[in-house]
Amino acid sequence: MLARFSVVLALLAAVAAPAAAQPLTKITIVETGAGSATRWPAYAAQEKGLFRAAGLDIEFLPASASSGVMQQVASASAPMGAGSPVDALRAIDKGAPISILRLESTQAPYEVFARASIRKLADLRGKTIMIGGAKDITRFYIEKMLAPNGVRPGEYDFVYAGATAQRYLALQSGSIDASILAAPFNFKAAGAGFSNLGATPDYVRDVPFSAFLVNIPWGKQNRAVIDRFLGAYEQGVEWFYDPANRSEAIDILQKISKAERGDVEKTWDFYTALKVIDRTGFIENKGLAELLAVLKAQGDLEGSTEIGRFYDLSLGAKAR
């Protein structure tokens, strides 16, 4: 009787005990800097528990430059990354085992600001313009904006500073005539009385601006994990775009970026109005082909511009 009673107690205890929580799968995602507004839906998915609900423990690891993101993803010291497709294309061309997985954005969140006396893009002929670098994506955007306004390469001078903050300081100092600025420095420039000459998406659309990347060997071994990540991230995108979540979304980015709340509020309005965050994740082949053609013309690609070299559909990438 005692033995049977002990067995019954053990069974009751087993039934009453809560099921053991399933261990979360950890993914380290290396990103350029920290607190970028382009990563807003991913931060929201983390803060709102969407990744955790998908069985994932996501860690964002900052790198000082986009090239550092590529190095870490190529070596699998971080299996996934988020950064510039331009640097990804260069790395893949040179044999790095990286695949573009999903676009974060196909609209560049830039505006061009100039001295108050300069009123339109055509007025930049003969002027000094600061961009990110000689082969930076910002050069591609500036040239695309100037050409329809009758200003050709060679009719202006470029100087370089990699970070938007540095470019804004140069504009403030009066050492340059114009620059291309991302949020929140575009808002600061507007408030300081500089001329807004136009937004990049007015001239360039559906060209990859930022993307999630994956180490190919790791991805092939963790296909189901990638699917769970993409599903939770897409929930984060839809949450971000819901106007009912505006205030909470601003809280999330302000906490991570440490930026002033007013600037973050303006950034949410700017991003949602321009549809900066891509809702489909599709890799737009037309835009990618345009980017590849520019890199090839600049001598940045050694191999072919065949699009299939740069993403692996078997890893969950989507293209059209």
C-alpha atoms as a PDB file:
ATOM      1  CA  MET A   1       0.000   0.000   0.000  1.00  0.00           C
ATOM      2  CA  LEU A   2       2.784   2.421   0.941  1.00  0.00           C
ATOM      3  CA  ALA A   3       4.621   1.653  -2.294  1.00  0.00           C
ATOM      4  CA  ARG A   4       1.488   2.224  -4.393  1.00  0.00           C
ATOM      5  CA  PHE A   5       0.735   5.461  -2.514  1.00  0.00           C
ATOM      6  CA  SER A   6       4.265   6.710  -3.223  1.00  0.00           C
ATOM      7  CA  VAL A   7       3.838   5.990  -6.948  1.00  0.00           C
ATOM      8  CA  VAL A   8       0.517   7.874  -7.023  1.00  0.00           C
ATOM      9  CA  LEU A   9       2.094  10.880  -5.271  1.00  0.00           C
ATOM     10  CA  ALA A  10       4.965  10.884  -7.772  1.00  0.00           C
ATOM     11  CA  LEU A  11       2.551  10.813 -10.735  1.00  0.00           C
ATOM     12  CA  LEU A  12       0.457  13.635  -9.274  1.00  0.00           C
ATOM     13  CA  ALA A  13       3.592  15.717  -8.719  1.00  0.00           C
ATOM     14  CA  ALA A  14       4.685  15.144 -12.320  1.00  0.00           C
ATOM     15  CA  VAL A  15       1.309  16.229 -13.660  1.00  0.00           C
ATOM     16  CA  ALA A  16       1.156  19.290 -11.416  1.00  0.00           C
ATOM     17  CA  ALA A  17       4.701  20.436 -12.251  1.00  0.00           C
ATOM     18  CA  PRO A  18       4.897  23.044 -15.021  1.00  0.00           C
ATOM     19  CA  ALA A  19       6.390  21.856 -18.292  1.00  0.00           C
ATOM     20  CA  ALA A  20      10.066  22.684 -18.523  1.00  0.00           C
ATOM     21  CA  ALA A  21      10.661  25.737 -20.675  1.00  0.00           C
ATOM     22  CA  GLN A  22      12.224  24.951 -24.008  1.00  0.00           C
ATOM     23  CA  PRO A  23      15.743  26.418 -24.280  1.00  0.00           C
ATOM     24  CA  LEU A  24      15.994  29.441 -26.544  1.00  0.00           C
ATOM     25  CA  THR A  25      18.215  29.368 -29.610  1.00  0.00           C
ATOM     26  CA  LYS A  26      20.702  32.221 -29.393  1.00  0.00           C
ATOM     27  CA  ILE A  27      21.575  34.240 -32.502  1.00  0.00           C
ATOM     28  CA  THR A  28      24.183  36.977 -32.441  1.00  0.00           C
ATOM     29  CA  ILE A  29      23.534  39.633 -35.069  1.00  0.00           C
ATOM     30  CA  VAL A  30      26.406  42.026 -35.691  1.00  0.00           C
ATOM     31  CA  GLU A  31      25.270  45.470 -36.854  1.00  0.00           C
ATOM     32  CA  THR A  32      26.893  48.713 -37.935  1.00  0.00           C
ATOM     33  CA  GLY A  33      26.946  50.902 -34.838  1.00  0.00           C
ATOM     34  CA  ALA A  34      24.072  50.604 -32.386  1.00  0.00           C
ATOM     35  CA  GLY A  35      20.587  52.043 -32.255  1.00  0.00           C
ATOM     36  CA  SER A  36      20.088  52.585 -35.988  1.00  0.00           C
ATOM     37  CA  ALA A  37      16.523  53.539 -36.904  1.00  0.00           C
ATOM     38  CA  THR A  38      16.764  51.112 -39.830  1.00  0.00           C
ATOM     39  CA  ARG A  39      16.813  48.313 -37.256  1.00  0.00           C
ATOM     40  CA  TRP A  40      13.701  49.638 -35.528  1.00  0.00           C
ATOM     41  CA  PRO A  41      11.401  46.637 -36.235  1.00  0.00           C
ATOM     42  CA  ALA A  42      14.068  44.220 -34.988  1.00  0.00           C
ATOM     43  CA  TYR A  43      14.466  46.176 -31.759  1.00  0.00           C
ATOM     44  CA  ALA A  44      10.673  46.212 -31.421  1.00  0.00           C
ATOM     45  CA  ALA A  45      10.497  42.453 -31.991  1.00  0.00           C
ATOM     46  CA  GLN A  46      13.052  42.027 -29.221  1.00  0.00           C
ATOM     47  CA  GLU A  47      11.406  44.433 -26.753  1.00  0.00           C
ATOM     48  CA  LYS A  48       7.901  43.061 -27.385  1.00  0.00           C
ATOM     49  CA  GLY A  49       8.994  39.444 -26.904  1.00  0.00           C
ATOM     50  CA  LEU A  50       8.313  38.396 -30.506  1.00  0.00           C
ATOM     51  CA  PHE A  51      11.726  36.766 -30.904  1.00  0.00           C
ATOM     52  CA  ARG A  52      11.376  35.017 -27.552  1.00  0.00           C
ATOM     53  CA  ALA A  53       7.946  33.714 -28.552  1.00  0.00           C
ATOM     54  CA  ALA A  54       9.639  32.224 -31.623  1.00  0.00           C
ATOM     55  CA  GLY A  55      12.142  30.455 -29.366  1.00  0.00           C
ATOM     56  CA  LEU A  56      14.979  32.866 -30.079  1.00  0.00           C
ATOM     57  CA  ASP A  57      17.394  34.805 -27.917  1.00  0.00           C
ATOM     58  CA  ILE A  58      18.688  37.634 -30.111  1.00  0.00           C
ATOM     59  CA  GLU A  59      21.851  39.536 -29.224  1.00  0.00           C
ATOM     60  CA  PHE A  60      22.812  42.635 -31.224  1.00  0.00           C
ATOM     61  CA  LEU A  61      26.550  43.211 -31.375  1.00  0.00           C
ATOM     62  CA  PRO A  62      27.831  46.582 -32.685  1.00  0.00           C
ATOM     63  CA  ALA A  63      30.667  46.880 -35.190  1.00  0.00           C
ATOM     64  CA  SER A  64      32.416  50.165 -35.949  1.00  0.00           C
ATOM     65  CA  ALA A  65      31.942  49.827 -39.720  1.00  0.00           C
ATOM     66  CA  SER A  66      29.935  47.850 -42.243  1.00  0.00           C
ATOM     67  CA  SER A  67      33.123  46.131 -43.415  1.00  0.00           C
ATOM     68  CA  GLY A  68      33.514  44.770 -39.872  1.00  0.00           C
ATOM     69  CA  VAL A  69      30.021  43.281 -40.105  1.00  0.00           C
ATOM     70  CA  MET A  70      31.057  41.392 -43.236  1.00  0.00           C
ATOM     71  CA  GLN A  71      34.247  40.095 -41.623  1.00  0.00           C
ATOM     72  CA  GLN A  72      32.408  38.710 -38.605  1.00  0.00           C
ATOM     73  CA  VAL A  73      29.624  37.097 -40.634  1.00  0.00           C
ATOM     74  CA  ALA A  74      32.128  35.593 -43.097  1.00  0.00           C
ATOM     75  CA  SER A  75      34.090  34.034 -40.228  1.00  0.00           C
ATOM     76  CA  ALA A  76      30.844  32.931 -38.458  1.00  0.00           C
ATOM     77  CA  SER A  77      31.951  34.654 -35.269  1.00  0.00           C
ATOM     78  CA  ALA A  78      28.475  36.147 -35.661  1.00  0.00           C
ATOM     79  CA  PRO A  79      26.225  33.941 -37.821  1.00  0.00           C
ATOM     80  CA  MET A  80      24.067  36.865 -38.963  1.00  0.00           C
ATOM     81  CA  GLY A  81      24.598  40.523 -39.655  1.00  0.00           C
ATOM     82  CA  ALA A  82      22.791  43.696 -40.637  1.00  0.00           C
ATOM     83  CA  GLY A  83      24.450  46.289 -42.796  1.00  0.00           C
ATOM     84  CA  SER A  84      25.087  47.795 -46.193  1.00  0.00           C
ATOM     85  CA  PRO A  85      24.358  45.605 -49.225  1.00  0.00           C
ATOM     86  CA  VAL A  86      27.203  47.386 -51.031  1.00  0.00           C
ATOM     87  CA  ASP A  87      29.777  45.978 -48.614  1.00  0.00           C
ATOM     88  CA  ALA A  88      28.029  42.601 -48.740  1.00  0.00           C
ATOM     89  CA  LEU A  89      28.235  42.527 -52.546  1.00  0.00           C
ATOM     90  CA  ARG A  90      31.952  43.334 -52.442  1.00  0.00           C
ATOM     91  CA  ALA A  91      32.609  40.649 -49.818  1.00  0.00           C
ATOM     92  CA  ILE A  92      30.592  37.982 -51.655  1.00  0.00           C
ATOM     93  CA  ASP A  93      32.346  38.848 -54.919  1.00  0.00           C
ATOM     94  CA  LYS A  94      35.657  38.114 -53.225  1.00  0.00           C
ATOM     95  CA  GLY A  95      34.448  34.708 -52.033  1.00  0.00           C
ATOM     96  CA  ALA A  96      33.080  35.411 -48.558  1.00  0.00           C
ATOM     97  CA  PRO A  97      30.517  32.716 -47.554  1.00  0.00           C
ATOM     98  CA  ILE A  98      27.741  35.280 -47.084  1.00  0.00           C
ATOM     99  CA  SER A  99      24.242  35.472 -48.501  1.00  0.00           C
ATOM    100  CA  ILE A 100      21.881  38.427 -48.521  1.00  0.00           C
ATOM    101  CA  LEU A 101      18.912  37.081 -46.571  1.00  0.00           C
ATOM    102  CA  ARG A 102      16.307  39.812 -46.402  1.00  0.00           C
ATOM    103  CA  LEU A 103      16.186  43.504 -47.186  1.00  0.00           C
ATOM    104  CA  GLU A 104      15.548  45.835 -44.289  1.00  0.00           C
ATOM    105  CA  SER A 105      15.142  48.845 -46.530  1.00  0.00           C
ATOM    106  CA  THR A 106      14.995  49.716 -50.223  1.00  0.00           C
ATOM    107  CA  GLN A 107      14.559  53.433 -49.541  1.00  0.00           C
ATOM    108  CA  ALA A 108      17.529  55.457 -48.347  1.00  0.00           C
ATOM    109  CA  PRO A 109      16.501  57.743 -45.456  1.00  0.00           C
ATOM    110  CA  TYR A 110      18.677  60.643 -46.602  1.00  0.00           C
ATOM    111  CA  GLU A 111      18.083  64.287 -47.382  1.00  0.00           C
ATOM    112  CA  VAL A 112      20.536  66.726 -48.959  1.00  0.00           C
ATOM    113  CA  PHE A 113      21.114  69.972 -47.067  1.00  0.00           C
ATOM    114  CA  ALA A 114      23.127  72.984 -48.160  1.00  0.00           C
ATOM    115  CA  ARG A 115      24.033  76.524 -47.163  1.00  0.00           C
ATOM    116  CA  ALA A 116      20.965  78.738 -46.897  1.00  0.00           C
ATOM    117  CA  SER A 117      21.982  80.625 -50.057  1.00  0.00           C
ATOM    118  CA  ILE A 118      21.766  77.416 -52.129  1.00  0.00           C
ATOM    119  CA  ARG A 119      18.145  76.807 -53.023  1.00  0.00           C
ATOM    120  CA  LYS A 120      18.124  73.860 -55.435  1.00  0.00           C
ATOM    121  CA  LEU A 121      20.230  70.871 -56.497  1.00  0.00           C
ATOM    122  CA  ALA A 122      21.229  72.579 -59.752  1.00  0.00           C
ATOM    123  CA  ASP A 123      22.966  75.241 -57.643  1.00  0.00           C
ATOM    124  CA  LEU A 124      25.526  72.633 -56.485  1.00  0.00           C
ATOM    125  CA  ARG A 125      27.480  72.991 -59.730  1.00  0.00           C
ATOM    126  CA  GLY A 126      30.978  74.127 -58.754  1.00  0.00           C
ATOM    127  CA  LYS A 127      30.341  73.493 -55.047  1.00  0.00           C
ATOM    128  CA  THR A 128      31.958  71.224 -52.430  1.00  0.00           C
ATOM    129  CA  ILE A 129      29.786  68.311 -51.306  1.00  0.00           C
ATOM    130  CA  MET A 130      30.588  65.968 -48.427  1.00  0.00           C
ATOM    131  CA  ILE A 131      29.630  62.283 -48.764  1.00  0.00           C
ATOM    132  CA  GLY A 132      30.550  59.085 -46.932  1.00  0.00           C
ATOM    133  CA  GLY A 133      33.488  58.036 -49.106  1.00  0.00           C
ATOM    134  CA  ALA A 134      34.821  57.775 -52.647  1.00  0.00           C
ATOM    135  CA  LYS A 135      33.077  54.417 -53.092  1.00  0.00           C
ATOM    136  CA  ASP A 136      30.366  54.865 -50.485  1.00  0.00           C
ATOM    137  CA  ILE A 137      26.684  54.292 -51.255  1.00  0.00           C
ATOM    138  CA  THR A 138      26.089  58.005 -50.577  1.00  0.00           C
ATOM    139  CA  ARG A 139      28.031  58.815 -53.766  1.00  0.00           C
ATOM    140  CA  PHE A 140      25.602  56.671 -55.749  1.00  0.00           C
ATOM    141  CA  TYR A 141      22.647  58.551 -54.255  1.00  0.00           C
ATOM    142  CA  ILE A 142      24.078  62.049 -54.730  1.00  0.00           C
ATOM    143  CA  GLU A 143      24.958  61.390 -58.367  1.00  0.00           C
ATOM    144  CA  LYS A 144      21.469  59.990 -58.989  1.00  0.00           C
ATOM    145  CA  MET A 145      19.970  63.158 -57.536  1.00  0.00           C
ATOM    146  CA  LEU A 146      22.237  65.623 -59.348  1.00  0.00           C
ATOM    147  CA  ALA A 147      22.063  64.137 -62.854  1.00  0.00           C
ATOM    148  CA  PRO A 148      18.335  64.892 -63.476  1.00  0.00           C
ATOM    149  CA  ASN A 149      19.057  68.448 -62.358  1.00  0.00           C
ATOM    150  CA  GLY A 150      21.699  68.933 -65.033  1.00  0.00           C
ATOM    151  CA  VAL A 151      24.751  68.608 -62.791  1.00  0.00           C
ATOM    152  CA  ARG A 152      27.250  66.035 -64.072  1.00  0.00           C
ATOM    153  CA  PRO A 153      30.181  64.277 -62.338  1.00  0.00           C
ATOM    154  CA  GLY A 154      33.227  66.506 -62.473  1.00  0.00           C
ATOM    155  CA  GLU A 155      31.182  69.678 -62.089  1.00  0.00           C
ATOM    156  CA  TYR A 156      31.486  69.581 -58.285  1.00  0.00           C
ATOM    157  CA  ASP A 157      34.036  68.494 -55.700  1.00  0.00           C
ATOM    158  CA  PHE A 158      33.631  65.650 -53.219  1.00  0.00           C
ATOM    159  CA  VAL A 159      35.141  65.515 -49.737  1.00  0.00           C
ATOM    160  CA  TYR A 160      34.555  62.614 -47.365  1.00  0.00           C
ATOM    161  CA  ALA A 161      33.410  61.751 -43.843  1.00  0.00           C
ATOM    162  CA  GLY A 162      31.930  58.357 -43.070  1.00  0.00           C
ATOM    163  CA  ALA A 163      29.423  59.304 -40.388  1.00  0.00           C
ATOM    164  CA  THR A 164      26.363  61.520 -40.764  1.00  0.00           C
ATOM    165  CA  ALA A 165      27.291  63.302 -37.508  1.00  0.00           C
ATOM    166  CA  GLN A 166      30.657  64.348 -38.933  1.00  0.00           C
ATOM    167  CA  ARG A 167      29.068  65.530 -42.160  1.00  0.00           C
ATOM    168  CA  TYR A 168      26.595  67.657 -40.236  1.00  0.00           C
ATOM    169  CA  LEU A 169      29.406  69.233 -38.177  1.00  0.00           C
ATOM    170  CA  ALA A 170      31.261  70.082 -41.393  1.00  0.00           C
ATOM    171  CA  LEU A 171      28.124  71.733 -42.776  1.00  0.00           C
ATOM    172  CA  GLN A 172      27.718  73.682 -39.535  1.00  0.00           C
ATOM    173  CA  SER A 173      31.320  74.847 -39.657  1.00  0.00           C
ATOM    174  CA  GLY A 174      30.907  76.278 -43.153  1.00  0.00           C
ATOM    175  CA  SER A 175      33.786  74.204 -44.555  1.00  0.00           C
ATOM    176  CA  ILE A 176      31.508  72.561 -47.150  1.00  0.00           C
ATOM    177  CA  ASP A 177      28.576  73.722 -49.238  1.00  0.00           C
ATOM    178  CA  ALA A 178      26.295  70.699 -48.914  1.00  0.00           C
ATOM    179  CA  SER A 179      26.024  67.157 -47.580  1.00  0.00           C
ATOM    180  CA  ILE A 180      23.753  64.139 -47.485  1.00  0.00           C
ATOM    181  CA  LEU A 181      22.312  63.536 -44.019  1.00  0.00           C
ATOM    182  CA  ALA A 182      20.311  60.800 -42.305  1.00  0.00           C
ATOM    183  CA  ALA A 183      17.978  61.212 -39.329  1.00  0.00           C
ATOM    184  CA  PRO A 184      18.185  62.838 -36.870  1.00  0.00           C
ATOM    185  CA  PHE A 185      20.797  65.188 -38.374  1.00  0.00           C
ATOM    186  CA  ASN A 186      18.523  66.136 -41.251  1.00  0.00           C
ATOM    187  CA  PHE A 187      16.097  67.519 -38.668  1.00  0.00           C
ATOM    188  CA  LYS A 188      18.894  69.394 -36.914  1.00  0.00           C
ATOM    189  CA  ALA A 189      19.983  70.901 -40.237  1.00  0.00           C
ATOM    190  CA  ALA A 190      16.424  72.012 -41.004  1.00  0.00           C
ATOM    191  CA  GLY A 191      16.127  73.586 -37.573  1.00  0.00           C
ATOM    192  CA  ALA A 192      19.439  75.407 -38.064  1.00  0.00           C
ATOM    193  CA  GLY A 193      18.200  77.065 -41.254  1.00  0.00           C
ATOM    194  CA  PHE A 194      20.046  75.048 -43.901  1.00  0.00           C
ATOM    195  CA  SER A 195      18.311  74.502 -47.259  1.00  0.00           C
ATOM    196  CA  ASN A 196      16.636  71.144 -47.848  1.00  0.00           C
ATOM    197  CA  LEU A 197      17.387  70.279 -51.485  1.00  0.00           C
ATOM    198  CA  GLY A 198      15.438  67.018 -51.558  1.00  0.00           C
ATOM    199  CA  ALA A 199      15.100  63.475 -50.245  1.00  0.00           C
ATOM    200  CA  THR A 200      16.850  60.494 -51.791  1.00  0.00           C
ATOM    201  CA  PRO A 201      13.629  58.472 -52.325  1.00  0.00           C
ATOM    202  CA  ASP A 202      12.384  61.270 -54.605  1.00  0.00           C
ATOM    203  CA  TYR A 203      15.058  60.147 -57.074  1.00  0.00           C
ATOM    204  CA  VAL A 204      16.086  56.575 -56.161  1.00  0.00           C
ATOM    205  CA  ARG A 205      13.629  53.843 -55.181  1.00  0.00           C
ATOM    206  CA  ASP A 206      13.783  50.068 -54.789  1.00  0.00           C
ATOM    207  CA  VAL A 207      17.579  49.971 -54.580  1.00  0.00           C
ATOM    208  CA  PRO A 208      18.882  47.953 -51.593  1.00  0.00           C
ATOM    209  CA  PHE A 209      19.919  50.219 -48.735  1.00  0.00           C
ATOM    210  CA  SER A 210      20.258  47.834 -45.790  1.00  0.00           C
ATOM    211  CA  ALA A 211      19.872  44.093 -45.392  1.00  0.00           C
ATOM    212  CA  PHE A 212      20.145  41.104 -43.104  1.00  0.00           C
ATOM    213  CA  LEU A 213      22.990  38.762 -44.026  1.00  0.00           C
ATOM    214  CA  VAL A 214      23.750  35.199 -43.055  1.00  0.00           C
ATOM    215  CA  ASN A 215      26.811  32.981 -42.958  1.00  0.00           C
ATOM    216  CA  ILE A 216      26.011  30.300 -45.551  1.00  0.00           C
ATOM    217  CA  PRO A 217      27.380  27.175 -43.767  1.00  0.00           C
ATOM    218  CA  TRP A 218      25.619  28.197 -40.542  1.00  0.00           C
ATOM    219  CA  GLY A 219      22.438  28.972 -42.451  1.00  0.00           C
ATOM    220  CA  LYS A 220      22.340  25.576 -44.121  1.00  0.00           C
ATOM    221  CA  GLN A 221      22.521  23.914 -40.705  1.00  0.00           C
ATOM    222  CA  ASN A 222      19.900  26.214 -39.154  1.00  0.00           C
ATOM    223  CA  ARG A 223      17.255  26.698 -41.831  1.00  0.00           C
ATOM    224  CA  ALA A 224      14.344  26.319 -39.380  1.00  0.00           C
ATOM    225  CA  VAL A 225      15.934  28.888 -37.051  1.00  0.00           C
ATOM    226  CA  ILE A 226      16.170  31.363 -39.929  1.00  0.00           C
ATOM    227  CA  ASP A 227      12.484  30.858 -40.706  1.00  0.00           C
ATOM    228  CA  ARG A 228      11.581  31.587 -37.085  1.00  0.00           C
ATOM    229  CA  PHE A 229      13.722  34.723 -37.131  1.00  0.00           C
ATOM    230  CA  LEU A 230      12.173  36.009 -40.342  1.00  0.00           C
ATOM    231  CA  GLY A 231       8.654  35.327 -39.089  1.00  0.00           C
ATOM    232  CA  ALA A 232       9.201  37.221 -35.825  1.00  0.00           C
ATOM    233  CA  TYR A 233      10.964  40.077 -37.605  1.00  0.00           C
ATOM    234  CA  GLU A 234       8.067  40.484 -40.034  1.00  0.00           C
ATOM    235  CA  GLN A 235       5.694  40.736 -37.067  1.00  0.00           C
ATOM    236  CA  GLY A 236       7.992  43.498 -35.782  1.00  0.00           C
ATOM    237  CA  VAL A 237       7.716  45.332 -39.110  1.00  0.00           C
ATOM    238  CA  GLU A 238       3.917  45.311 -39.006  1.00  0.00           C
ATOM    239  CA  TRP A 239       3.950  46.381 -35.350  1.00  0.00           C
ATOM    240  CA  PHE A 240       6.271  49.283 -36.231  1.00  0.00           C
ATOM    241  CA  TYR A 241       3.976  50.607 -38.970  1.00  0.00           C
ATOM    242  CA  ASP A 242       0.829  50.528 -36.821  1.00  0.00           C
ATOM    243  CA  PRO A 243       0.071  54.174 -35.839  1.00  0.00           C
ATOM    244  CA  ALA A 244      -1.336  52.909 -32.538  1.00  0.00           C
ATOM    245  CA  ASN A 245       2.203  51.839 -31.597  1.00  0.00           C
ATOM    246  CA  ARG A 246       3.911  55.144 -32.475  1.00  0.00           C
ATOM    247  CA  SER A 247       4.540  56.289 -28.895  1.00  0.00           C
ATOM    248  CA  GLU A 248       5.815  52.897 -27.727  1.00  0.00           C
ATOM    249  CA  ALA A 249       7.985  52.527 -30.819  1.00  0.00           C
ATOM    250  CA  ILE A 250       9.540  55.909 -30.042  1.00  0.00           C
ATOM    251  CA  ASP A 251      10.160  54.763 -26.449  1.00  0.00           C
ATOM    252  CA  ILE A 252      11.980  51.673 -27.745  1.00  0.00           C
ATOM    253  CA  LEU A 253      14.350  53.490 -30.121  1.00  0.00           C
ATOM    254  CA  GLN A 254      14.985  56.331 -27.690  1.00  0.00           C
ATOM    255  CA  LYS A 255      15.998  53.795 -25.032  1.00  0.00           C
ATOM    256  CA  ILE A 256      18.435  52.053 -27.397  1.00  0.00           C
ATOM    257  CA  SER A 257      19.805  55.043 -29.325  1.00  0.00           C
ATOM    258  CA  LYS A 258      19.862  57.544 -26.416  1.00  0.00           C
ATOM    259  CA  ALA A 259      18.674  60.192 -28.893  1.00  0.00           C
ATOM    260  CA  GLU A 260      16.442  63.130 -27.981  1.00  0.00           C
ATOM    261  CA  ARG A 261      12.778  62.180 -27.981  1.00  0.00           C
ATOM    262  CA  GLY A 262      11.805  64.977 -30.354  1.00  0.00           C
ATOM    263  CA  ASP A 263      14.309  63.707 -32.931  1.00  0.00           C
ATOM    264  CA  VAL A 264      13.051  60.136 -32.559  1.00  0.00           C
ATOM    265  CA  GLU A 265       9.460  61.296 -33.028  1.00  0.00           C
ATOM    266  CA  LYS A 266      10.403  63.076 -36.245  1.00  0.00           C
ATOM    267  CA  THR A 267      12.339  60.001 -37.382  1.00  0.00           C
ATOM    268  CA  TRP A 268       9.295  57.734 -36.954  1.00  0.00           C
ATOM    269  CA  ASP A 269       7.190  60.169 -38.980  1.00  0.00           C
ATOM    270  CA  PHE A 270       9.929  60.429 -41.643  1.00  0.00           C
ATOM    271  CA  TYR A 271      10.421  56.671 -41.887  1.00  0.00           C
ATOM    272  CA  THR A 272       6.734  55.813 -42.063  1.00  0.00           C
ATOM    273  CA  ALA A 273       5.938  58.567 -44.587  1.00  0.00           C
ATOM    274  CA  LEU A 274       8.720  57.434 -46.944  1.00  0.00           C
ATOM    275  CA  LYS A 275       8.080  53.713 -46.253  1.00  0.00           C
ATOM    276  CA  VAL A 276      11.785  53.329 -45.440  1.00  0.00           C
ATOM    277  CA  ILE A 277      11.339  49.928 -43.766  1.00  0.00           C
ATOM    278  CA  ASP A 278      10.611  47.241 -46.354  1.00  0.00           C
ATOM    279  CA  ARG A 279       7.488  45.223 -45.569  1.00  0.00           C
ATOM    280  CA  THR A 280       8.048  42.320 -47.982  1.00  0.00           C
ATOM    281  CA  GLY A 281      11.727  41.511 -47.570  1.00  0.00           C
ATOM    282  CA  PHE A 282      11.992  40.694 -51.261  1.00  0.00           C
ATOM    283  CA  ILE A 283      15.382  41.274 -52.837  1.00  0.00           C
ATOM    284  CA  GLU A 284      14.491  43.470 -55.794  1.00  0.00           C
ATOM    285  CA  ASN A 285      16.539  42.123 -58.679  1.00  0.00           C
ATOM    286  CA  LYS A 286      16.171  45.291 -60.737  1.00  0.00           C
ATOM    287  CA  GLY A 287      17.528  47.482 -57.947  1.00  0.00           C
ATOM    288  CA  LEU A 288      20.244  44.980 -57.101  1.00  0.00           C
ATOM    289  CA  ALA A 289      21.287  44.821 -60.766  1.00  0.00           C
ATOM    290  CA  GLU A 290      21.579  48.620 -60.829  1.00  0.00           C
ATOM    291  CA  LEU A 291      23.802  48.576 -57.769  1.00  0.00           C
ATOM    292  CA  LEU A 292      25.957  45.776 -59.199  1.00  0.00           C
ATOM    293  CA  ALA A 293      26.391  47.683 -62.465  1.00  0.00           C
ATOM    294  CA  VAL A 294      27.652  50.735 -60.572  1.00  0.00           C
ATOM    295  CA  LEU A 295      30.112  48.668 -58.528  1.00  0.00           C
ATOM    296  CA  LYS A 296      31.367  46.944 -61.677  1.00  0.00           C
ATOM    297  CA  ALA A 297      31.876  50.281 -63.427  1.00  0.00           C
ATOM    298  CA  GLN A 298      33.844  51.548 -60.417  1.00  0.00           C
ATOM    299  CA  GLY A 299      36.096  48.475 -60.542  1.00  0.00           C
ATOM    300  CA  ASP A 300      34.801  47.176 -57.213  1.00  0.00           C
ATOM    301  CA  LEU A 301      33.695  43.771 -58.540  1.00  0.00           C
ATOM    302  CA  GLU A 302      36.112  41.207 -59.930  1.00  0.00           C
ATOM    303  CA  GLY A 303      33.557  38.572 -60.947  1.00  0.00           C
ATOM    304  CA  SER A 304      30.329  38.677 -62.901  1.00  0.00           C
ATOM    305  CA  THR A 305      27.269  40.693 -61.986  1.00  0.00           C
ATOM    306  CA  GLU A 306      25.033  37.617 -62.235  1.00  0.00           C
ATOM    307  CA  ILE A 307      22.505  38.256 -59.488  1.00  0.00           C
ATOM    308  CA  GLY A 308      22.236  34.680 -58.271  1.00  0.00           C
ATOM    309  CA  ARG A 309      25.815  34.870 -56.953  1.00  0.00           C
ATOM    310  CA  PHE A 310      24.723  37.148 -54.118  1.00  0.00           C
ATOM    311  CA  TYR A 311      21.837  35.355 -52.414  1.00  0.00           C
ATOM    312  CA  ASP A 312      20.866  31.766 -51.729  1.00  0.00           C
ATOM    313  CA  LEU A 313      17.156  31.024 -52.058  1.00  0.00           C
ATOM    314  CA  SER A 314      17.573  27.769 -50.145  1.00  0.00           C
ATOM    315  CA  LEU A 315      18.317  29.792 -46.992  1.00  0.00           C
ATOM    316  CA  GLY A 316      14.977  31.565 -47.017  1.00  0.00           C
ATOM    317  CA  ALA A 317      15.907  34.558 -49.172  1.00  0.00           C
ATOM    318  CA  LYS A 318      13.112  35.836 -51.407  1.00  0.00           C
ATOM    319  CA  ALA A 319      13.736  37.567 -54.728  1.00  0.00           C
ATOM    320  CA  ARG A 320      11.797  38.958 -57.666  1.00  0.00           C
END
